[in-house]
Amino acid sequence: MIEIALDILGVVILWLSVEYCLKGSTSESLDEASLIPFADDPEVARRVEAATGKSVNAVAPEEPKPGWINLDM
């Protein structure tokens, strides 16, 4: 019986903490956050913009500096 009560308490605490973390979020900030994974690849960002109509603030990948060696691991 105590295990069930602790499980329910854990779920309630999880739900309340998620609600607390998201209380200041707006729909615009959540939309922008959902597009972050596409921001580092300009080609993918263009495809996502074409598919969704939402603007992705893409950044160009960092160019290798002269004299530096890029290692593929």
PDB file of N, CA and C in Angstrom:
ATOM      1  N   MET A   1       0.825  -1.201   0.000  1.00  0.00           N
ATOM      2  CA  MET A   1       0.000   0.000   0.000  1.00  0.00           C
ATOM      3  C   MET A   1       0.865   1.260   0.000  1.00  0.00           C
ATOM      4  N   ILE A   2       1.940   1.210   0.792  1.00  0.00           N
ATOM      5  CA  ILE A   2       2.814   2.373   0.873  1.00  0.00           C
ATOM      6  C   ILE A   2       3.514   2.630  -0.469  1.00  0.00           C
ATOM      7  N   GLU A   3       3.791   1.546  -1.214  1.00  0.00           N
ATOM      8  CA  GLU A   3       4.445   1.700  -2.514  1.00  0.00           C
ATOM      9  C   GLU A   3       3.548   2.452  -3.495  1.00  0.00           C
ATOM     10  N   ILE A   4       2.277   2.161  -3.469  1.00  0.00           N
ATOM     11  CA  ILE A   4       1.327   2.836  -4.358  1.00  0.00           C
ATOM     12  C   ILE A   4       1.249   4.319  -4.008  1.00  0.00           C
ATOM     13  N   ALA A   5       1.211   4.617  -2.708  1.00  0.00           N
ATOM     14  CA  ALA A   5       1.146   6.014  -2.273  1.00  0.00           C
ATOM     15  C   ALA A   5       2.414   6.757  -2.688  1.00  0.00           C
ATOM     16  N   LEU A   6       3.585   6.118  -2.561  1.00  0.00           N
ATOM     17  CA  LEU A   6       4.836   6.751  -2.973  1.00  0.00           C
ATOM     18  C   LEU A   6       4.894   6.938  -4.486  1.00  0.00           C
ATOM     19  N   ASP A   7       4.362   5.974  -5.247  1.00  0.00           N
ATOM     20  CA  ASP A   7       4.318   6.115  -6.701  1.00  0.00           C
ATOM     21  C   ASP A   7       3.436   7.300  -7.110  1.00  0.00           C
ATOM     22  N   ILE A   8       2.296   7.410  -6.496  1.00  0.00           N
ATOM     23  CA  ILE A   8       1.383   8.516  -6.805  1.00  0.00           C
ATOM     24  C   ILE A   8       2.021   9.841  -6.407  1.00  0.00           C
ATOM     25  N   LEU A   9       2.680   9.883  -5.259  1.00  0.00           N
ATOM     26  CA  LEU A   9       3.363  11.095  -4.815  1.00  0.00           C
ATOM     27  C   LEU A   9       4.480  11.483  -5.793  1.00  0.00           C
ATOM     28  N   GLY A  10       5.208  10.497  -6.287  1.00  0.00           N
ATOM     29  CA  GLY A  10       6.265  10.766  -7.258  1.00  0.00           C
ATOM     30  C   GLY A  10       5.726  11.339  -8.551  1.00  0.00           C
ATOM     31  N   VAL A  11       4.613  10.806  -9.032  1.00  0.00           N
ATOM     32  CA  VAL A  11       3.991  11.307 -10.261  1.00  0.00           C
ATOM     33  C   VAL A  11       3.489  12.733 -10.058  1.00  0.00           C
ATOM     34  N   VAL A  12       2.899  13.003  -8.923  1.00  0.00           N
ATOM     35  CA  VAL A  12       2.398  14.348  -8.638  1.00  0.00           C
ATOM     36  C   VAL A  12       3.552  15.342  -8.555  1.00  0.00           C
ATOM     37  N   ILE A  13       4.653  14.963  -7.906  1.00  0.00           N
ATOM     38  CA  ILE A  13       5.809  15.849  -7.807  1.00  0.00           C
ATOM     39  C   ILE A  13       6.399  16.100  -9.187  1.00  0.00           C
ATOM     40  N   LEU A  14       6.499  15.078 -10.017  1.00  0.00           N
ATOM     41  CA  LEU A  14       7.007  15.243 -11.374  1.00  0.00           C
ATOM     42  C   LEU A  14       6.118  16.189 -12.171  1.00  0.00           C
ATOM     43  N   TRP A  15       4.812  15.997 -12.096  1.00  0.00           N
ATOM     44  CA  TRP A  15       3.873  16.850 -12.830  1.00  0.00           C
ATOM     45  C   TRP A  15       3.979  18.301 -12.366  1.00  0.00           C
ATOM     46  N   LEU A  16       4.050  18.524 -11.054  1.00  0.00           N
ATOM     47  CA  LEU A  16       4.147  19.884 -10.533  1.00  0.00           C
ATOM     48  C   LEU A  16       5.468  20.541 -10.924  1.00  0.00           C
ATOM     49  N   SER A  17       6.558  19.787 -10.938  1.00  0.00           N
ATOM     50  CA  SER A  17       7.840  20.378 -11.305  1.00  0.00           C
ATOM     51  C   SER A  17       7.884  20.734 -12.792  1.00  0.00           C
ATOM     52  N   VAL A  18       7.282  19.918 -13.646  1.00  0.00           N
ATOM     53  CA  VAL A  18       7.215  20.251 -15.070  1.00  0.00           C
ATOM     54  C   VAL A  18       6.341  21.485 -15.270  1.00  0.00           C
ATOM     55  N   GLU A  19       5.226  21.561 -14.593  1.00  0.00           N
ATOM     56  CA  GLU A  19       4.364  22.740 -14.681  1.00  0.00           C
ATOM     57  C   GLU A  19       5.099  23.995 -14.223  1.00  0.00           C
ATOM     58  N   TYR A  20       5.877  23.881 -13.153  1.00  0.00           N
ATOM     59  CA  TYR A  20       6.618  25.032 -12.635  1.00  0.00           C
ATOM     60  C   TYR A  20       7.677  25.484 -13.639  1.00  0.00           C
ATOM     61  N   CYS A  21       8.376  24.540 -14.270  1.00  0.00           N
ATOM     62  CA  CYS A  21       9.421  24.887 -15.233  1.00  0.00           C
ATOM     63  C   CYS A  21       8.841  25.526 -16.495  1.00  0.00           C
ATOM     64  N   LEU A  22       7.647  25.153 -16.888  1.00  0.00           N
ATOM     65  CA  LEU A  22       7.060  25.651 -18.134  1.00  0.00           C
ATOM     66  C   LEU A  22       6.094  26.815 -17.930  1.00  0.00           C
ATOM     67  N   LYS A  23       5.935  27.304 -16.709  1.00  0.00           N
ATOM     68  CA  LYS A  23       4.919  28.329 -16.471  1.00  0.00           C
ATOM     69  C   LYS A  23       5.236  29.652 -17.155  1.00  0.00           C
ATOM     70  N   GLY A  24       6.507  29.987 -17.388  1.00  0.00           N
ATOM     71  CA  GLY A  24       6.847  31.240 -18.039  1.00  0.00           C
ATOM     72  C   GLY A  24       6.996  31.124 -19.540  1.00  0.00           C
ATOM     73  N   SER A  25       6.732  29.968 -20.091  1.00  0.00           N
ATOM     74  CA  SER A  25       6.912  29.747 -21.520  1.00  0.00           C
ATOM     75  C   SER A  25       5.717  30.265 -22.307  1.00  0.00           C
ATOM     76  N   THR A  26       6.032  30.795 -23.485  1.00  0.00           N
ATOM     77  CA  THR A  26       4.973  31.204 -24.396  1.00  0.00           C
ATOM     78  C   THR A  26       4.974  30.243 -25.575  1.00  0.00           C
ATOM     79  N   SER A  27       3.960  30.303 -26.376  1.00  0.00           N
ATOM     80  CA  SER A  27       3.907  29.406 -27.528  1.00  0.00           C
ATOM     81  C   SER A  27       5.020  29.734 -28.520  1.00  0.00           C
ATOM     82  N   GLU A  28       5.398  31.020 -28.594  1.00  0.00           N
ATOM     83  CA  GLU A  28       6.492  31.402 -29.489  1.00  0.00           C
ATOM     84  C   GLU A  28       7.819  30.822 -29.017  1.00  0.00           C
ATOM     85  N   SER A  29       8.076  30.876 -27.710  1.00  0.00           N
ATOM     86  CA  SER A  29       9.340  30.345 -27.204  1.00  0.00           C
ATOM     87  C   SER A  29       9.394  28.829 -27.345  1.00  0.00           C
ATOM     88  N   LEU A  30       8.270  28.160 -27.204  1.00  0.00           N
ATOM     89  CA  LEU A  30       8.251  26.709 -27.387  1.00  0.00           C
ATOM     90  C   LEU A  30       8.449  26.342 -28.854  1.00  0.00           C
ATOM     91  N   ASP A  31       7.870  27.127 -29.774  1.00  0.00           N
ATOM     92  CA  ASP A  31       8.105  26.890 -31.200  1.00  0.00           C
ATOM     93  C   ASP A  31       9.572  27.089 -31.556  1.00  0.00           C
ATOM     94  N   GLU A  32      10.163  28.147 -31.019  1.00  0.00           N
ATOM     95  CA  GLU A  32      11.576  28.417 -31.294  1.00  0.00           C
ATOM     96  C   GLU A  32      12.461  27.307 -30.717  1.00  0.00           C
ATOM     97  N   ALA A  33      12.135  26.834 -29.540  1.00  0.00           N
ATOM     98  CA  ALA A  33      12.920  25.761 -28.928  1.00  0.00           C
ATOM     99  C   ALA A  33      12.809  24.463 -29.718  1.00  0.00           C
ATOM    100  N   SER A  34      11.666  24.223 -30.355  1.00  0.00           N
ATOM    101  CA  SER A  34      11.515  22.997 -31.126  1.00  0.00           C
ATOM    102  C   SER A  34      12.327  23.015 -32.412  1.00  0.00           C
ATOM    103  N   LEU A  35      12.757  24.208 -32.852  1.00  0.00           N
ATOM    104  CA  LEU A  35      13.545  24.321 -34.075  1.00  0.00           C
ATOM    105  C   LEU A  35      15.049  24.370 -33.817  1.00  0.00           C
ATOM    106  N   ILE A  36      15.479  24.395 -32.574  1.00  0.00           N
ATOM    107  CA  ILE A  36      16.901  24.473 -32.244  1.00  0.00           C
ATOM    108  C   ILE A  36      17.712  23.318 -32.834  1.00  0.00           C
ATOM    109  N   PRO A  37      17.237  22.077 -32.855  1.00  0.00           N
ATOM    110  CA  PRO A  37      18.073  20.997 -33.405  1.00  0.00           C
ATOM    111  C   PRO A  37      18.455  21.196 -34.870  1.00  0.00           C
ATOM    112  N   PHE A  38      17.756  22.037 -35.601  1.00  0.00           N
ATOM    113  CA  PHE A  38      18.035  22.240 -37.016  1.00  0.00           C
ATOM    114  C   PHE A  38      18.892  23.476 -37.274  1.00  0.00           C
ATOM    115  N   ALA A  39      19.273  24.200 -36.240  1.00  0.00           N
ATOM    116  CA  ALA A  39      19.932  25.490 -36.415  1.00  0.00           C
ATOM    117  C   ALA A  39      21.384  25.386 -36.858  1.00  0.00           C
ATOM    118  N   ASP A  40      22.046  24.252 -36.659  1.00  0.00           N
ATOM    119  CA  ASP A  40      23.459  24.178 -36.997  1.00  0.00           C
ATOM    120  C   ASP A  40      23.720  23.654 -38.404  1.00  0.00           C
ATOM    121  N   ASP A  41      22.693  23.277 -39.130  1.00  0.00           N
ATOM    122  CA  ASP A  41      22.859  22.785 -40.492  1.00  0.00           C
ATOM    123  C   ASP A  41      21.986  23.634 -41.417  1.00  0.00           C
ATOM    124  N   PRO A  42      22.590  24.549 -42.183  1.00  0.00           N
ATOM    125  CA  PRO A  42      21.794  25.466 -43.005  1.00  0.00           C
ATOM    126  C   PRO A  42      20.912  24.762 -44.039  1.00  0.00           C
ATOM    127  N   GLU A  43      21.386  23.660 -44.623  1.00  0.00           N
ATOM    128  CA  GLU A  43      20.578  22.947 -45.617  1.00  0.00           C
ATOM    129  C   GLU A  43      19.325  22.351 -44.981  1.00  0.00           C
ATOM    130  N   VAL A  44      19.497  21.725 -43.833  1.00  0.00           N
ATOM    131  CA  VAL A  44      18.341  21.157 -43.126  1.00  0.00           C
ATOM    132  C   VAL A  44      17.416  22.275 -42.662  1.00  0.00           C
ATOM    133  N   ALA A  45      17.987  23.389 -42.228  1.00  0.00           N
ATOM    134  CA  ALA A  45      17.166  24.524 -41.796  1.00  0.00           C
ATOM    135  C   ALA A  45      16.300  25.030 -42.932  1.00  0.00           C
ATOM    136  N   ARG A  46      16.851  25.087 -44.159  1.00  0.00           N
ATOM    137  CA  ARG A  46      16.047  25.522 -45.311  1.00  0.00           C
ATOM    138  C   ARG A  46      14.911  24.538 -45.593  1.00  0.00           C
ATOM    139  N   ARG A  47      15.208  23.241 -45.476  1.00  0.00           N
ATOM    140  CA  ARG A  47      14.149  22.247 -45.720  1.00  0.00           C
ATOM    141  C   ARG A  47      13.060  22.329 -44.662  1.00  0.00           C
ATOM    142  N   VAL A  48      13.441  22.546 -43.401  1.00  0.00           N
ATOM    143  CA  VAL A  48      12.442  22.669 -42.332  1.00  0.00           C
ATOM    144  C   VAL A  48      11.605  23.921 -42.541  1.00  0.00           C
ATOM    145  N   GLU A  49      12.247  25.026 -42.947  1.00  0.00           N
ATOM    146  CA  GLU A  49      11.497  26.250 -43.229  1.00  0.00           C
ATOM    147  C   GLU A  49      10.503  26.032 -44.362  1.00  0.00           C
ATOM    148  N   ALA A  50      10.932  25.309 -45.406  1.00  0.00           N
ATOM    149  CA  ALA A  50      10.037  25.056 -46.534  1.00  0.00           C
ATOM    150  C   ALA A  50       8.877  24.151 -46.121  1.00  0.00           C
ATOM    151  N   ALA A  51       9.149  23.176 -45.267  1.00  0.00           N
ATOM    152  CA  ALA A  51       8.109  22.218 -44.869  1.00  0.00           C
ATOM    153  C   ALA A  51       7.135  22.800 -43.857  1.00  0.00           C
ATOM    154  N   THR A  52       7.642  23.609 -42.906  1.00  0.00           N
ATOM    155  CA  THR A  52       6.781  24.089 -41.831  1.00  0.00           C
ATOM    156  C   THR A  52       6.344  25.529 -42.001  1.00  0.00           C
ATOM    157  N   GLY A  53       7.105  26.304 -42.768  1.00  0.00           N
ATOM    158  CA  GLY A  53       6.801  27.721 -42.908  1.00  0.00           C
ATOM    159  C   GLY A  53       7.306  28.554 -41.749  1.00  0.00           C
ATOM    160  N   LYS A  54       7.993  27.924 -40.789  1.00  0.00           N
ATOM    161  CA  LYS A  54       8.544  28.644 -39.640  1.00  0.00           C
ATOM    162  C   LYS A  54       9.987  29.015 -39.934  1.00  0.00           C
ATOM    163  N   SER A  55      10.410  30.171 -39.454  1.00  0.00           N
ATOM    164  CA  SER A  55      11.769  30.636 -39.676  1.00  0.00           C
ATOM    165  C   SER A  55      12.718  29.987 -38.683  1.00  0.00           C
ATOM    166  N   VAL A  56      13.825  29.416 -39.210  1.00  0.00           N
ATOM    167  CA  VAL A  56      14.847  28.807 -38.375  1.00  0.00           C
ATOM    168  C   VAL A  56      16.055  29.729 -38.377  1.00  0.00           C
ATOM    169  N   ASN A  57      16.504  30.140 -37.205  1.00  0.00           N
ATOM    170  CA  ASN A  57      17.680  30.993 -37.104  1.00  0.00           C
ATOM    171  C   ASN A  57      18.917  30.112 -37.182  1.00  0.00           C
ATOM    172  N   ALA A  58      19.340  29.813 -38.417  1.00  0.00           N
ATOM    173  CA  ALA A  58      20.464  28.912 -38.629  1.00  0.00           C
ATOM    174  C   ALA A  58      21.778  29.663 -38.515  1.00  0.00           C
ATOM    175  N   VAL A  59      22.769  28.972 -38.015  1.00  0.00           N
ATOM    176  CA  VAL A  59      24.121  29.514 -37.959  1.00  0.00           C
ATOM    177  C   VAL A  59      24.994  28.671 -38.871  1.00  0.00           C
ATOM    178  N   ALA A  60      25.954  29.311 -39.519  1.00  0.00           N
ATOM    179  CA  ALA A  60      26.850  28.591 -40.412  1.00  0.00           C
ATOM    180  C   ALA A  60      27.808  27.748 -39.583  1.00  0.00           C
ATOM    181  N   PRO A  61      28.138  26.560 -40.078  1.00  0.00           N
ATOM    182  CA  PRO A  61      29.103  25.744 -39.338  1.00  0.00           C
ATOM    183  C   PRO A  61      30.463  26.429 -39.297  1.00  0.00           C
ATOM    184  N   GLU A  62      31.195  26.175 -38.243  1.00  0.00           N
ATOM    185  CA  GLU A  62      32.489  26.809 -38.067  1.00  0.00           C
ATOM    186  C   GLU A  62      33.479  26.298 -39.103  1.00  0.00           C
ATOM    187  N   GLU A  63      34.143  27.235 -39.770  1.00  0.00           N
ATOM    188  CA  GLU A  63      35.129  26.887 -40.785  1.00  0.00           C
ATOM    189  C   GLU A  63      36.449  26.524 -40.102  1.00  0.00           C
ATOM    190  N   PRO A  64      37.170  25.541 -40.659  1.00  0.00           N
ATOM    191  CA  PRO A  64      38.463  25.203 -40.051  1.00  0.00           C
ATOM    192  C   PRO A  64      39.450  26.358 -40.198  1.00  0.00           C
ATOM    193  N   LYS A  65      40.195  26.602 -39.154  1.00  0.00           N
ATOM    194  CA  LYS A  65      41.161  27.690 -39.163  1.00  0.00           C
ATOM    195  C   LYS A  65      42.442  27.221 -39.829  1.00  0.00           C
ATOM    196  N   PRO A  66      43.109  28.104 -40.561  1.00  0.00           N
ATOM    197  CA  PRO A  66      44.348  27.681 -41.220  1.00  0.00           C
ATOM    198  C   PRO A  66      45.399  27.253 -40.197  1.00  0.00           C
ATOM    199  N   GLY A  67      46.021  26.145 -40.481  1.00  0.00           N
ATOM    200  CA  GLY A  67      47.039  25.626 -39.570  1.00  0.00           C
ATOM    201  C   GLY A  67      46.487  24.666 -38.531  1.00  0.00           C
ATOM    202  N   TRP A  68      45.176  24.573 -38.408  1.00  0.00           N
ATOM    203  CA  TRP A  68      44.572  23.662 -37.443  1.00  0.00           C
ATOM    204  C   TRP A  68      44.243  22.370 -38.157  1.00  0.00           C
ATOM    205  N   ILE A  69      44.348  21.285 -37.458  1.00  0.00           N
ATOM    206  CA  ILE A  69      44.051  19.978 -38.039  1.00  0.00           C
ATOM    207  C   ILE A  69      42.701  19.524 -37.502  1.00  0.00           C
ATOM    208  N   ASN A  70      41.817  19.156 -38.420  1.00  0.00           N
ATOM    209  CA  ASN A  70      40.521  18.617 -38.009  1.00  0.00           C
ATOM    210  C   ASN A  70      40.606  17.100 -38.035  1.00  0.00           C
ATOM    211  N   LEU A  71      40.427  16.491 -36.901  1.00  0.00           N
ATOM    212  CA  LEU A  71      40.498  15.045 -36.794  1.00  0.00           C
ATOM    213  C   LEU A  71      39.100  14.464 -36.780  1.00  0.00           C
ATOM    214  N   ASP A  72      38.882  13.443 -37.562  1.00  0.00           N
ATOM    215  CA  ASP A  72      37.623  12.720 -37.505  1.00  0.00           C
ATOM    216  C   ASP A  72      37.794  11.562 -36.534  1.00  0.00           C
ATOM    217  N   MET A  73      36.999  11.552 -35.508  1.00  0.00           N
ATOM    218  CA  MET A  73      37.115  10.483 -34.502  1.00  0.00           C
ATOM    219  C   MET A  73      36.119   9.407 -34.820  1.00  0.00           C
TER     220      MET A  73
END
